[in-house]
């Protein structure tokens, strides 16, 4: 049934939705919640309302009641109301009005994304001293970086922190190994390779006497021994310098680099205070532990019997420091194998009175690489650098396109593969799928974005939203309109996959539009409108790729 369409200057999507709710409440004499209004597939309209519940309350047949309502509801901006299925009211809006509204939102402040307040700390990457980053760090780096980009975009004051594992017993092992097997000449030539060789040697060849001597070096670090601290600082600086090159390659920046060493002194205070307040208990062997009420979690050791601290101890100290810094939210991006650690940490934090700061563990699943699809350059780990090199090499092989972009394509492919899978799920890393230019992949998103830019270069018309959008145009516009909602969902759920998957579906819709709708060399009004739609697609995909940390390209 057709409805009159008086187009008011101030009509917009939210106004129309509220007017639909008001009309439904008046006609049905019930309360209609905003969440009752659904967004159907494009062919079924722009808003939908299931009449079944209201019909049940009134003892009416849902479809008959829905048919009745189509003749009674009048809403400015609604072009047509149809009945579908067992009793759905589908509202079709004035397509011209809707198109203008979408353009106004996406070209307006923050592309229509609601802005939030608050100071947020995001802790991610946190590599260990004297060890190269490995394949597992890639998912962590991708998630953490995308989250900092998303949360900044929605308005939060974000501080990204690379809190490195630079304290504890393992560092005594590196010093001991360097003293026994190391070479300053080899260290200066390639610090990371030499440090990791020593790490592997310690693991493979050290006997009990060696391990005891390594523990003594760990104790010396904690006690402030000059020689121990000199070597520790040398290894720390070399590790940070090495990692900076890898972060630069994957375009990741941190607001600060801290580490366990920065709270080592406060960790000692935590132990004393915890014992004084009865939060911790001392065991017969001299170690300190925490017991949780009702055996909620297993007991956790806070200090070993030799007096050394654990990273849980240092995390408690860090938690207290972050609270003093005034953060409203404190997010740790760490794999799900550490779930128990963070449950224990947050529970202990409450015992110490760390309140008013929302602590969250942004947990994620493991990455599994296809058997023998990439070999480790040294040792028994697959280095992050090996993974990046392989991705770039594969991008050249698979693209058969401009190899000048192989770095951006390869790195973008890895990032998408790590972000498109929902966080809790493990990832099965398949190179053919990761670098597929036709399907769910980073290259597919980059290529669709480049294809749209080439259309704009071909047309000499300025885009303008004039005339009534045709079916394929309208479907693409509807998909574009979901961008603000997807970004807000990604922020709230700490889930970049919301944006990655949205961009894939959006690109599929764009490519369908591209194959069906000629843009240049046609009727001027239609060309201007289609150019404007393509401009909006480029704007959304440029921004969406940036939020994933994937570089939008000019050509491929």
Foldseek 3Di string as FASTA:
>chain_A
DWADADADPPDADVNQLVLVQVLCCVVLVDHDDSVQWDQDAVVQAGTKHAQVVSCVVVVHQQQVVLVVVQVVDHTHQFTHWDADDRHMIHTHGQQLRHLVNQLCQCPDPLSVFAADEFEEEEEFLQEEFLAFAFPQSLLRQLLRQLLQLLNVSNHYNYAYEHAHAQADLLLLQLVLLCVVPNDPVVCVVPVSVRSVVSSVCSVPPPDPVSSVSSNVLNVCVLVVPPVSVVVSVVRRVSRVVVVVVVCVLLVGDGNYYHYLVVQSVVLVVLQVVCVVVVQWDADPLGWIWGQDPPCPDPIGTQADSVGHGDVLSSVLSVLVVVLVVPGQEYEYEDEPVCVRSVVVSVVSNVVVVSDNHHYYYQYAYAEAEPPPPFADPDDHGHGPVSQLVSLLVVLVVPVVDPSVCSSLLSSQLSLLQSAQDWGHDYGYDDSCVSNPCPALYRNVLLQLLLVLLVLLVVDPDAADSDDRDDDLLSSLSSLLSCLSVLSVVCNVVSGLSSLSVSSRVSSVSSVVCVVVPDQPPDDPNSNNNVNSSSVSNNSSSCSSCVSSSRHRDNHD
